[in-house]
Structures are given as structure tokens and as C-alpha cells.
All heavy atoms as atom14 arrays in JSON, in Angstrom:
{
  "sequence": "GKPVLVMRETTERPEGVTAGTAKLVGTDVDTIVSEIFTLLDDNTAYAA",
  "atom14_mask": [
    [1, 1, 1, 1, 0, 0, 0, 0, 0, 0, 0, 0, 0, 0],
    [1, 1, 1, 1, 1, 1, 1, 1, 1, 0, 0, 0, 0, 0],
    [1, 1, 1, 1, 1, 1, 1, 0, 0, 0, 0, 0, 0, 0],
    [1, 1, 1, 1, 1, 1, 1, 0, 0, 0, 0, 0, 0, 0],
    [1, 1, 1, 1, 1, 1, 1, 1, 0, 0, 0, 0, 0, 0],
    [1, 1, 1, 1, 1, 1, 1, 0, 0, 0, 0, 0, 0, 0],
    [1, 1, 1, 1, 1, 1, 1, 1, 0, 0, 0, 0, 0, 0],
    [1, 1, 1, 1, 1, 1, 1, 1, 1, 1, 1, 0, 0, 0],
    [1, 1, 1, 1, 1, 1, 1, 1, 1, 0, 0, 0, 0, 0],
    [1, 1, 1, 1, 1, 1, 1, 0, 0, 0, 0, 0, 0, 0],
    [1, 1, 1, 1, 1, 1, 1, 0, 0, 0, 0, 0, 0, 0],
    [1, 1, 1, 1, 1, 1, 1, 1, 1, 0, 0, 0, 0, 0],
    [1, 1, 1, 1, 1, 1, 1, 1, 1, 1, 1, 0, 0, 0],
    [1, 1, 1, 1, 1, 1, 1, 0, 0, 0, 0, 0, 0, 0],
    [1, 1, 1, 1, 1, 1, 1, 1, 1, 0, 0, 0, 0, 0],
    [1, 1, 1, 1, 0, 0, 0, 0, 0, 0, 0, 0, 0, 0],
    [1, 1, 1, 1, 1, 1, 1, 0, 0, 0, 0, 0, 0, 0],
    [1, 1, 1, 1, 1, 1, 1, 0, 0, 0, 0, 0, 0, 0],
    [1, 1, 1, 1, 1, 0, 0, 0, 0, 0, 0, 0, 0, 0],
    [1, 1, 1, 1, 0, 0, 0, 0, 0, 0, 0, 0, 0, 0],
    [1, 1, 1, 1, 1, 1, 1, 0, 0, 0, 0, 0, 0, 0],
    [1, 1, 1, 1, 1, 0, 0, 0, 0, 0, 0, 0, 0, 0],
    [1, 1, 1, 1, 1, 1, 1, 1, 1, 0, 0, 0, 0, 0],
    [1, 1, 1, 1, 1, 1, 1, 1, 0, 0, 0, 0, 0, 0],
    [1, 1, 1, 1, 1, 1, 1, 0, 0, 0, 0, 0, 0, 0],
    [1, 1, 1, 1, 0, 0, 0, 0, 0, 0, 0, 0, 0, 0],
    [1, 1, 1, 1, 1, 1, 1, 0, 0, 0, 0, 0, 0, 0],
    [1, 1, 1, 1, 1, 1, 1, 1, 0, 0, 0, 0, 0, 0],
    [1, 1, 1, 1, 1, 1, 1, 0, 0, 0, 0, 0, 0, 0],
    [1, 1, 1, 1, 1, 1, 1, 1, 0, 0, 0, 0, 0, 0],
    [1, 1, 1, 1, 1, 1, 1, 0, 0, 0, 0, 0, 0, 0],
    [1, 1, 1, 1, 1, 1, 1, 1, 0, 0, 0, 0, 0, 0],
    [1, 1, 1, 1, 1, 1, 1, 0, 0, 0, 0, 0, 0, 0],
    [1, 1, 1, 1, 1, 1, 0, 0, 0, 0, 0, 0, 0, 0],
    [1, 1, 1, 1, 1, 1, 1, 1, 1, 0, 0, 0, 0, 0],
    [1, 1, 1, 1, 1, 1, 1, 1, 0, 0, 0, 0, 0, 0],
    [1, 1, 1, 1, 1, 1, 1, 1, 1, 1, 1, 0, 0, 0],
    [1, 1, 1, 1, 1, 1, 1, 0, 0, 0, 0, 0, 0, 0],
    [1, 1, 1, 1, 1, 1, 1, 1, 0, 0, 0, 0, 0, 0],
    [1, 1, 1, 1, 1, 1, 1, 1, 0, 0, 0, 0, 0, 0],
    [1, 1, 1, 1, 1, 1, 1, 1, 0, 0, 0, 0, 0, 0],
    [1, 1, 1, 1, 1, 1, 1, 1, 0, 0, 0, 0, 0, 0],
    [1, 1, 1, 1, 1, 1, 1, 1, 0, 0, 0, 0, 0, 0],
    [1, 1, 1, 1, 1, 1, 1, 0, 0, 0, 0, 0, 0, 0],
    [1, 1, 1, 1, 1, 0, 0, 0, 0, 0, 0, 0, 0, 0],
    [1, 1, 1, 1, 1, 1, 1, 1, 1, 1, 1, 1, 0, 0],
    [1, 1, 1, 1, 1, 0, 0, 0, 0, 0, 0, 0, 0, 0],
    [1, 1, 1, 1, 1, 0, 0, 0, 0, 0, 0, 0, 0, 0]
  ],
  "atom14_positions": [
    [[0.79, -1.23, 0.0], [0.0, 0.0, 0.0], [0.82, 1.28, 0.0], [0.36, 2.31, 0.48], [0.0, 0.0, 0.0], [0.0, 0.0, 0.0], [0.0, 0.0, 0.0], [0.0, 0.0, 0.0], [0.0, 0.0, 0.0], [0.0, 0.0, 0.0], [0.0, 0.0, 0.0], [0.0, 0.0, 0.0], [0.0, 0.0, 0.0], [0.0, 0.0, 0.0]],
    [[2.03, 1.24, -0.59], [2.9, 2.4, -0.59], [2.99, 3.01, -1.99], [3.36, 2.31, -2.94], [4.3, 2.04, -0.09], [4.3, 1.36, 1.27], [3.56, 2.18, 2.33], [3.32, 1.41, 3.61], [4.51, 1.27, 4.44], [0.0, 0.0, 0.0], [0.0, 0.0, 0.0], [0.0, 0.0, 0.0], [0.0, 0.0, 0.0], [0.0, 0.0, 0.0]],
    [[2.67, 4.31, -2.16], [2.8, 4.96, -3.46], [4.25, 4.93, -3.96], [5.19, 5.04, -3.17], [2.35, 6.4, -3.19], [1.52, 6.32, -1.95], [2.13, 5.22, -1.14], [0.0, 0.0, 0.0], [0.0, 0.0, 0.0], [0.0, 0.0, 0.0], [0.0, 0.0, 0.0], [0.0, 0.0, 0.0], [0.0, 0.0, 0.0], [0.0, 0.0, 0.0]],
    [[4.41, 4.81, -5.28], [5.74, 4.75, -5.89], [5.87, 5.85, -6.93], [5.04, 5.94, -7.85], [5.99, 3.39, -6.58], [7.42, 3.33, -7.11], [5.72, 2.24, -5.63], [0.0, 0.0, 0.0], [0.0, 0.0, 0.0], [0.0, 0.0, 0.0], [0.0, 0.0, 0.0], [0.0, 0.0, 0.0], [0.0, 0.0, 0.0], [0.0, 0.0, 0.0]],
    [[6.88, 6.69, -6.78], [7.24, 7.66, -7.81], [8.47, 7.14, -8.53], [9.5, 6.86, -7.9], [7.5, 9.04, -7.2], [6.3, 9.69, -6.5], [6.65, 11.09, -6.0], [5.08, 9.75, -7.42], [0.0, 0.0, 0.0], [0.0, 0.0, 0.0], [0.0, 0.0, 0.0], [0.0, 0.0, 0.0], [0.0, 0.0, 0.0], [0.0, 0.0, 0.0]],
    [[8.36, 6.99, -9.86], [9.37, 6.31, -10.65], [10.2, 7.34, -11.41], [9.69, 8.04, -12.29], [8.72, 5.32, -11.63], [9.8, 4.55, -12.4], [7.79, 4.36, -10.9], [0.0, 0.0, 0.0], [0.0, 0.0, 0.0], [0.0, 0.0, 0.0], [0.0, 0.0, 0.0], [0.0, 0.0, 0.0], [0.0, 0.0, 0.0], [0.0, 0.0, 0.0]],
    [[11.48, 7.41, -11.09], [12.37, 8.41, -11.67], [12.97, 7.89, -12.98], [14.17, 7.73, -13.14], [13.47, 8.79, -10.67], [12.92, 9.42, -9.41], [14.18, 9.86, -8.2], [14.79, 8.25, -7.69], [0.0, 0.0, 0.0], [0.0, 0.0, 0.0], [0.0, 0.0, 0.0], [0.0, 0.0, 0.0], [0.0, 0.0, 0.0], [0.0, 0.0, 0.0]],
    [[12.08, 7.65, -13.93], [12.46, 7.19, -15.26], [11.51, 7.81, -16.26], [10.41, 8.27, -15.9], [12.37, 5.65, -15.34], [13.47, 4.97, -14.57], [13.2, 3.5, -14.3], [12.92, 2.74, -15.5], [12.7, 1.41, -15.5], [12.76, 0.74, -14.36], [12.44, 0.78, -16.62], [0.0, 0.0, 0.0], [0.0, 0.0, 0.0], [0.0, 0.0, 0.0]],
    [[11.92, 7.82, -17.52], [11.07, 8.38, -18.57], [10.06, 7.37, -19.09], [9.02, 7.74, -19.61], [11.95, 8.87, -19.74], [12.99, 9.91, -19.36], [12.4, 11.14, -18.71], [11.27, 11.56, -19.11], [13.04, 11.69, -17.8], [0.0, 0.0, 0.0], [0.0, 0.0, 0.0], [0.0, 0.0, 0.0], [0.0, 0.0, 0.0], [0.0, 0.0, 0.0]],
    [[10.39, 6.08, -18.97], [9.5, 5.01, -19.42], [9.51, 3.92, -18.36], [10.41, 3.85, -17.51], [9.98, 4.39, -20.76], [11.28, 3.82, -20.56], [10.03, 5.44, -21.86], [0.0, 0.0, 0.0], [0.0, 0.0, 0.0], [0.0, 0.0, 0.0], [0.0, 0.0, 0.0], [0.0, 0.0, 0.0], [0.0, 0.0, 0.0], [0.0, 0.0, 0.0]],
    [[8.52, 3.05, -18.43], [8.52, 1.88, -17.56], [8.0, 0.68, -18.34], [7.09, 0.8, -19.16], [7.66, 2.07, -16.3], [7.72, 0.86, -15.51], [6.21, 2.39, -16.62], [0.0, 0.0, 0.0], [0.0, 0.0, 0.0], [0.0, 0.0, 0.0], [0.0, 0.0, 0.0], [0.0, 0.0, 0.0], [0.0, 0.0, 0.0], [0.0, 0.0, 0.0]],
    [[8.63, -0.47, -18.09], [8.17, -1.71, -18.66], [7.08, -2.34, -17.79], [6.62, -3.45, -18.05], [9.34, -2.68, -18.82], [10.0, -3.14, -17.55], [10.94, -2.1, -16.93], [10.95, -0.93, -17.39], [11.67, -2.44, -16.0], [0.0, 0.0, 0.0], [0.0, 0.0, 0.0], [0.0, 0.0, 0.0], [0.0, 0.0, 0.0], [0.0, 0.0, 0.0]],
    [[6.66, -1.62, -16.77], [5.59, -2.06, -15.87], [4.46, -1.03, -15.89], [4.17, -0.4, -14.86], [6.15, -2.26, -14.46], [7.17, -3.4, -14.38], [7.93, -3.35, -13.07], [8.79, -4.51, -12.88], [10.01, -4.64, -13.38], [10.53, -3.66, -14.11], [10.72, -5.74, -13.17], [0.0, 0.0, 0.0], [0.0, 0.0, 0.0], [0.0, 0.0, 0.0]],
    [[3.83, -0.83, -17.04], [2.79, 0.2, -17.13], [1.55, -0.13, -16.32], [0.72, 0.76, -16.07], [2.47, 0.25, -18.63], [2.79, -1.12, -19.12], [4.01, -1.54, -18.33], [0.0, 0.0, 0.0], [0.0, 0.0, 0.0], [0.0, 0.0, 0.0], [0.0, 0.0, 0.0], [0.0, 0.0, 0.0], [0.0, 0.0, 0.0], [0.0, 0.0, 0.0]],
    [[1.42, -1.4, -15.9], [0.24, -1.78, -15.13], [0.1, -0.96, -13.85], [-1.0, -0.59, -13.45], [0.31, -3.27, -14.76], [0.38, -4.2, -15.96], [1.8, -4.52, -16.38], [2.71, -3.73, -16.07], [1.99, -5.54, -17.04], [0.0, 0.0, 0.0], [0.0, 0.0, 0.0], [0.0, 0.0, 0.0], [0.0, 0.0, 0.0], [0.0, 0.0, 0.0]],
    [[1.25, -0.68, -13.21], [1.2, 0.1, -11.99], [0.74, 1.52, -12.23], [-0.02, 2.09, -11.45], [0.0, 0.0, 0.0], [0.0, 0.0, 0.0], [0.0, 0.0, 0.0], [0.0, 0.0, 0.0], [0.0, 0.0, 0.0], [0.0, 0.0, 0.0], [0.0, 0.0, 0.0], [0.0, 0.0, 0.0], [0.0, 0.0, 0.0], [0.0, 0.0, 0.0]],
    [[1.21, 2.12, -13.33], [0.78, 3.48, -13.68], [-0.71, 3.48, -13.99], [-1.45, 4.36, -13.54], [1.6, 4.0, -14.88], [1.1, 5.37, -15.3], [3.09, 4.06, -14.52], [0.0, 0.0, 0.0], [0.0, 0.0, 0.0], [0.0, 0.0, 0.0], [0.0, 0.0, 0.0], [0.0, 0.0, 0.0], [0.0, 0.0, 0.0], [0.0, 0.0, 0.0]],
    [[-1.16, 2.49, -14.76], [-2.58, 2.41, -15.1], [-3.44, 2.21, -13.87], [-4.51, 2.82, -13.73], [-2.81, 1.24, -16.09], [-2.03, 1.47, -17.27], [-4.28, 1.13, -16.48], [0.0, 0.0, 0.0], [0.0, 0.0, 0.0], [0.0, 0.0, 0.0], [0.0, 0.0, 0.0], [0.0, 0.0, 0.0], [0.0, 0.0, 0.0], [0.0, 0.0, 0.0]],
    [[-2.98, 1.34, -12.96], [-3.75, 1.07, -11.74], [-3.71, 2.23, -10.76], [-4.58, 2.34, -9.89], [-3.21, -0.19, -11.07], [0.0, 0.0, 0.0], [0.0, 0.0, 0.0], [0.0, 0.0, 0.0], [0.0, 0.0, 0.0], [0.0, 0.0, 0.0], [0.0, 0.0, 0.0], [0.0, 0.0, 0.0], [0.0, 0.0, 0.0], [0.0, 0.0, 0.0]],
    [[-2.7, 3.11, -10.9], [-2.59, 4.25, -9.99], [-1.68, 4.01, -8.81], [-1.56, 4.87, -7.94], [0.0, 0.0, 0.0], [0.0, 0.0, 0.0], [0.0, 0.0, 0.0], [0.0, 0.0, 0.0], [0.0, 0.0, 0.0], [0.0, 0.0, 0.0], [0.0, 0.0, 0.0], [0.0, 0.0, 0.0], [0.0, 0.0, 0.0], [0.0, 0.0, 0.0]],
    [[-0.97, 2.88, -8.79], [-0.04, 2.62, -7.69], [1.3, 3.29, -7.9], [2.07, 3.47, -6.96], [0.2, 1.11, -7.52], [0.77, 0.58, -8.74], [-1.11, 0.38, -7.23], [0.0, 0.0, 0.0], [0.0, 0.0, 0.0], [0.0, 0.0, 0.0], [0.0, 0.0, 0.0], [0.0, 0.0, 0.0], [0.0, 0.0, 0.0], [0.0, 0.0, 0.0]],
    [[1.62, 3.64, -9.15], [2.91, 4.25, -9.49], [2.69, 5.42, -10.43], [1.69, 5.49, -11.15], [3.83, 3.22, -10.14], [0.0, 0.0, 0.0], [0.0, 0.0, 0.0], [0.0, 0.0, 0.0], [0.0, 0.0, 0.0], [0.0, 0.0, 0.0], [0.0, 0.0, 0.0], [0.0, 0.0, 0.0], [0.0, 0.0, 0.0], [0.0, 0.0, 0.0]],
    [[3.67, 6.34, -10.43], [3.61, 7.49, -11.34], [5.01, 7.75, -11.86], [5.99, 7.78, -11.1], [3.09, 8.72, -10.61], [2.99, 9.97, -11.49], [2.43, 11.17, -10.71], [0.95, 11.01, -10.46], [0.36, 12.26, -9.9], [0.0, 0.0, 0.0], [0.0, 0.0, 0.0], [0.0, 0.0, 0.0], [0.0, 0.0, 0.0], [0.0, 0.0, 0.0]],
    [[5.12, 7.94, -13.18], [6.39, 8.3, -13.79], [6.67, 9.78, -13.56], [5.84, 10.63, -13.88], [6.37, 8.02, -15.29], [6.44, 6.56, -15.75], [6.19, 6.47, -17.25], [7.79, 5.94, -15.4], [0.0, 0.0, 0.0], [0.0, 0.0, 0.0], [0.0, 0.0, 0.0], [0.0, 0.0, 0.0], [0.0, 0.0, 0.0], [0.0, 0.0, 0.0]],
    [[7.84, 10.08, -13.0], [8.19, 11.48, -12.75], [9.49, 11.88, -13.43], [9.89, 13.05, -13.37], [8.28, 11.77, -11.23], [6.93, 11.53, -10.57], [9.36, 10.92, -10.55], [0.0, 0.0, 0.0], [0.0, 0.0, 0.0], [0.0, 0.0, 0.0], [0.0, 0.0, 0.0], [0.0, 0.0, 0.0], [0.0, 0.0, 0.0], [0.0, 0.0, 0.0]],
    [[10.18, 10.93, -14.1], [11.42, 11.26, -14.78], [12.51, 11.7, -13.81], [12.48, 11.39, -12.62], [0.0, 0.0, 0.0], [0.0, 0.0, 0.0], [0.0, 0.0, 0.0], [0.0, 0.0, 0.0], [0.0, 0.0, 0.0], [0.0, 0.0, 0.0], [0.0, 0.0, 0.0], [0.0, 0.0, 0.0], [0.0, 0.0, 0.0], [0.0, 0.0, 0.0]],
    [[13.47, 12.45, -14.32], [14.57, 12.93, -13.47], [14.65, 14.45, -13.44], [15.69, 15.01, -13.07], [15.92, 12.36, -13.96], [16.14, 12.72, -15.32], [15.96, 10.85, -13.81], [0.0, 0.0, 0.0], [0.0, 0.0, 0.0], [0.0, 0.0, 0.0], [0.0, 0.0, 0.0], [0.0, 0.0, 0.0], [0.0, 0.0, 0.0], [0.0, 0.0, 0.0]],
    [[13.57, 15.12, -13.82], [13.52, 16.57, -13.69], [13.37, 16.93, -12.22], [12.46, 16.43, -11.54], [12.36, 17.14, -14.5], [12.23, 18.63, -14.33], [13.05, 19.37, -14.93], [11.32, 19.08, -13.59], [0.0, 0.0, 0.0], [0.0, 0.0, 0.0], [0.0, 0.0, 0.0], [0.0, 0.0, 0.0], [0.0, 0.0, 0.0], [0.0, 0.0, 0.0]],
    [[14.23, 17.82, -11.72], [14.26, 18.12, -10.29], [12.92, 18.68, -9.83], [12.34, 18.23, -8.82], [15.4, 19.11, -9.98], [15.35, 19.52, -8.5], [16.75, 18.51, -10.33], [0.0, 0.0, 0.0], [0.0, 0.0, 0.0], [0.0, 0.0, 0.0], [0.0, 0.0, 0.0], [0.0, 0.0, 0.0], [0.0, 0.0, 0.0], [0.0, 0.0, 0.0]],
    [[12.41, 19.67, -10.53], [11.17, 20.31, -10.11], [10.0, 19.33, -10.08], [9.15, 19.38, -9.18], [10.83, 21.48, -11.03], [11.8, 22.65, -10.88], [12.44, 22.75, -9.81], [11.93, 23.44, -11.83], [0.0, 0.0, 0.0], [0.0, 0.0, 0.0], [0.0, 0.0, 0.0], [0.0, 0.0, 0.0], [0.0, 0.0, 0.0], [0.0, 0.0, 0.0]],
    [[9.96, 18.44, -11.06], [8.86, 17.47, -11.12], [8.93, 16.5, -9.95], [7.91, 16.22, -9.3], [8.9, 16.69, -12.45], [8.82, 17.6, -13.53], [7.75, 15.7, -12.53], [0.0, 0.0, 0.0], [0.0, 0.0, 0.0], [0.0, 0.0, 0.0], [0.0, 0.0, 0.0], [0.0, 0.0, 0.0], [0.0, 0.0, 0.0], [0.0, 0.0, 0.0]],
    [[10.12, 15.98, -9.65], [10.25, 15.06, -8.53], [9.81, 15.72, -7.23], [9.02, 15.17, -6.46], [11.71, 14.57, -8.4], [12.11, 13.73, -9.63], [11.9, 13.75, -7.12], [13.6, 13.42, -9.69], [0.0, 0.0, 0.0], [0.0, 0.0, 0.0], [0.0, 0.0, 0.0], [0.0, 0.0, 0.0], [0.0, 0.0, 0.0], [0.0, 0.0, 0.0]],
    [[10.31, 16.91, -6.99], [10.0, 17.61, -5.75], [8.5, 17.91, -5.67], [7.85, 17.69, -4.63], [10.83, 18.91, -5.64], [10.38, 19.72, -4.42], [12.31, 18.58, -5.55], [0.0, 0.0, 0.0], [0.0, 0.0, 0.0], [0.0, 0.0, 0.0], [0.0, 0.0, 0.0], [0.0, 0.0, 0.0], [0.0, 0.0, 0.0], [0.0, 0.0, 0.0]],
    [[7.92, 18.39, -6.76], [6.5, 18.72, -6.76], [5.63, 17.51, -6.48], [4.67, 17.57, -5.69], [6.13, 19.35, -8.11], [4.73, 19.55, -8.2], [0.0, 0.0, 0.0], [0.0, 0.0, 0.0], [0.0, 0.0, 0.0], [0.0, 0.0, 0.0], [0.0, 0.0, 0.0], [0.0, 0.0, 0.0], [0.0, 0.0, 0.0], [0.0, 0.0, 0.0]],
    [[5.96, 16.38, -7.11], [5.14, 15.18, -6.91], [5.27, 14.63, -5.49], [4.29, 14.16, -4.91], [5.52, 14.11, -7.94], [5.19, 14.48, -9.38], [3.69, 14.48, -9.66], [2.91, 14.01, -8.8], [3.31, 14.93, -10.76], [0.0, 0.0, 0.0], [0.0, 0.0, 0.0], [0.0, 0.0, 0.0], [0.0, 0.0, 0.0], [0.0, 0.0, 0.0]],
    [[6.47, 14.69, -4.94], [6.64, 14.26, -3.54], [5.83, 15.15, -2.61], [5.12, 14.67, -1.71], [8.14, 14.28, -3.15], [8.86, 13.08, -3.75], [8.29, 14.31, -1.63], [8.62, 11.76, -3.04], [0.0, 0.0, 0.0], [0.0, 0.0, 0.0], [0.0, 0.0, 0.0], [0.0, 0.0, 0.0], [0.0, 0.0, 0.0], [0.0, 0.0, 0.0]],
    [[5.93, 16.47, -2.82], [5.2, 17.39, -1.94], [3.69, 17.19, -2.05], [2.96, 17.31, -1.06], [5.59, 18.83, -2.26], [6.96, 19.23, -1.77], [7.8, 18.32, -1.16], [7.41, 20.53, -1.93], [9.06, 18.69, -0.71], [8.67, 20.92, -1.48], [9.51, 19.99, -0.87], [0.0, 0.0, 0.0], [0.0, 0.0, 0.0], [0.0, 0.0, 0.0]],
    [[3.22, 16.88, -3.25], [1.79, 16.62, -3.41], [1.35, 15.44, -2.54], [0.33, 15.5, -1.84], [1.44, 16.35, -4.88], [1.7, 17.53, -5.65], [-0.02, 15.95, -5.05], [0.0, 0.0, 0.0], [0.0, 0.0, 0.0], [0.0, 0.0, 0.0], [0.0, 0.0, 0.0], [0.0, 0.0, 0.0], [0.0, 0.0, 0.0], [0.0, 0.0, 0.0]],
    [[2.12, 14.36, -2.58], [1.77, 13.2, -1.78], [1.9, 13.47, -0.28], [1.13, 12.93, 0.53], [2.65, 12.01, -2.17], [2.37, 11.39, -3.55], [3.39, 10.31, -3.86], [0.96, 10.81, -3.61], [0.0, 0.0, 0.0], [0.0, 0.0, 0.0], [0.0, 0.0, 0.0], [0.0, 0.0, 0.0], [0.0, 0.0, 0.0], [0.0, 0.0, 0.0]],
    [[2.85, 14.29, 0.09], [3.02, 14.62, 1.51], [1.91, 15.52, 2.03], [1.5, 15.42, 3.19], [4.37, 15.29, 1.73], [5.62, 14.43, 1.57], [6.88, 15.29, 1.6], [5.69, 13.35, 2.64], [0.0, 0.0, 0.0], [0.0, 0.0, 0.0], [0.0, 0.0, 0.0], [0.0, 0.0, 0.0], [0.0, 0.0, 0.0], [0.0, 0.0, 0.0]],
    [[1.4, 16.4, 1.17], [0.49, 17.46, 1.63], [-0.97, 17.26, 1.25], [-1.84, 17.93, 1.79], [0.95, 18.81, 1.07], [2.35, 19.2, 1.55], [2.72, 18.79, 2.67], [3.08, 19.88, 0.8], [0.0, 0.0, 0.0], [0.0, 0.0, 0.0], [0.0, 0.0, 0.0], [0.0, 0.0, 0.0], [0.0, 0.0, 0.0], [0.0, 0.0, 0.0]],
    [[-1.25, 16.36, 0.32], [-2.62, 16.15, -0.16], [-3.06, 14.73, 0.2], [-2.7, 13.77, -0.46], [-2.67, 16.37, -1.69], [-4.07, 16.3, -2.25], [-4.94, 15.65, -1.63], [-4.3, 16.85, -3.34], [0.0, 0.0, 0.0], [0.0, 0.0, 0.0], [0.0, 0.0, 0.0], [0.0, 0.0, 0.0], [0.0, 0.0, 0.0], [0.0, 0.0, 0.0]],
    [[-3.85, 14.64, 1.26], [-4.26, 13.32, 1.74], [-5.06, 12.54, 0.7], [-4.97, 11.31, 0.61], [-5.07, 13.45, 3.02], [-4.22, 13.92, 4.2], [-3.01, 13.73, 4.21], [-4.86, 14.54, 5.19], [0.0, 0.0, 0.0], [0.0, 0.0, 0.0], [0.0, 0.0, 0.0], [0.0, 0.0, 0.0], [0.0, 0.0, 0.0], [0.0, 0.0, 0.0]],
    [[-5.85, 13.25, -0.08], [-6.66, 12.59, -1.1], [-5.78, 11.98, -2.19], [-5.99, 10.84, -2.62], [-7.65, 13.58, -1.74], [-8.5, 14.11, -0.71], [-8.5, 12.9, -2.8], [0.0, 0.0, 0.0], [0.0, 0.0, 0.0], [0.0, 0.0, 0.0], [0.0, 0.0, 0.0], [0.0, 0.0, 0.0], [0.0, 0.0, 0.0], [0.0, 0.0, 0.0]],
    [[-4.77, 12.74, -2.63], [-3.85, 12.24, -3.64], [-3.08, 11.03, -3.11], [-2.88, 10.04, -3.84], [-2.88, 13.34, -4.08], [0.0, 0.0, 0.0], [0.0, 0.0, 0.0], [0.0, 0.0, 0.0], [0.0, 0.0, 0.0], [0.0, 0.0, 0.0], [0.0, 0.0, 0.0], [0.0, 0.0, 0.0], [0.0, 0.0, 0.0], [0.0, 0.0, 0.0]],
    [[-2.68, 11.11, -1.86], [-1.95, 9.98, -1.27], [-2.83, 8.74, -1.19], [-2.43, 7.64, -1.6], [-1.45, 10.35, 0.13], [-0.6, 9.27, 0.75], [0.78, 9.25, 0.58], [-1.18, 8.23, 1.49], [1.56, 8.25, 1.13], [-0.41, 7.21, 2.04], [0.96, 7.23, 1.86], [1.73, 6.23, 2.38], [0.0, 0.0, 0.0], [0.0, 0.0, 0.0]],
    [[-4.04, 8.91, -0.69], [-4.93, 7.77, -0.52], [-5.26, 7.11, -1.85], [-5.4, 5.89, -1.94], [-6.21, 8.22, 0.19], [0.0, 0.0, 0.0], [0.0, 0.0, 0.0], [0.0, 0.0, 0.0], [0.0, 0.0, 0.0], [0.0, 0.0, 0.0], [0.0, 0.0, 0.0], [0.0, 0.0, 0.0], [0.0, 0.0, 0.0], [0.0, 0.0, 0.0]],
    [[-5.37, 7.92, -2.91], [-5.7, 7.36, -4.22], [-4.63, 6.38, -4.7], [-4.94, 5.36, -5.31], [-5.88, 8.48, -5.24], [0.0, 0.0, 0.0], [0.0, 0.0, 0.0], [0.0, 0.0, 0.0], [0.0, 0.0, 0.0], [0.0, 0.0, 0.0], [0.0, 0.0, 0.0], [0.0, 0.0, 0.0], [0.0, 0.0, 0.0], [0.0, 0.0, 0.0]]
  ]
}
């Protein structure tokens, strides 16, 4: 039950992205930080 942020441009495991358990964030600094902060600060986004 732990959200996964994937620091890659592609994944060979798209099932997780489709199901909502994982999200591709690449290696852009701003994107990684923004997505982490969203999960830390938005309970609804985290629970999803």
C-alpha cells in the first residue's frame, strides 16, 4: 500500500501506472519535488 514515484522516462511495468499505484516522474528536479510534496500534503492524492 505504498505509493511509488518512478524516476524514469519510461517503464516496462505500465500496469502500476494504469492502476494508480505508481507514477512516472522522470529525473527533472522540479517534477520530482512537486510530486513528492503533493503526496506529503494532499491526503486525497496519497490515498488514491
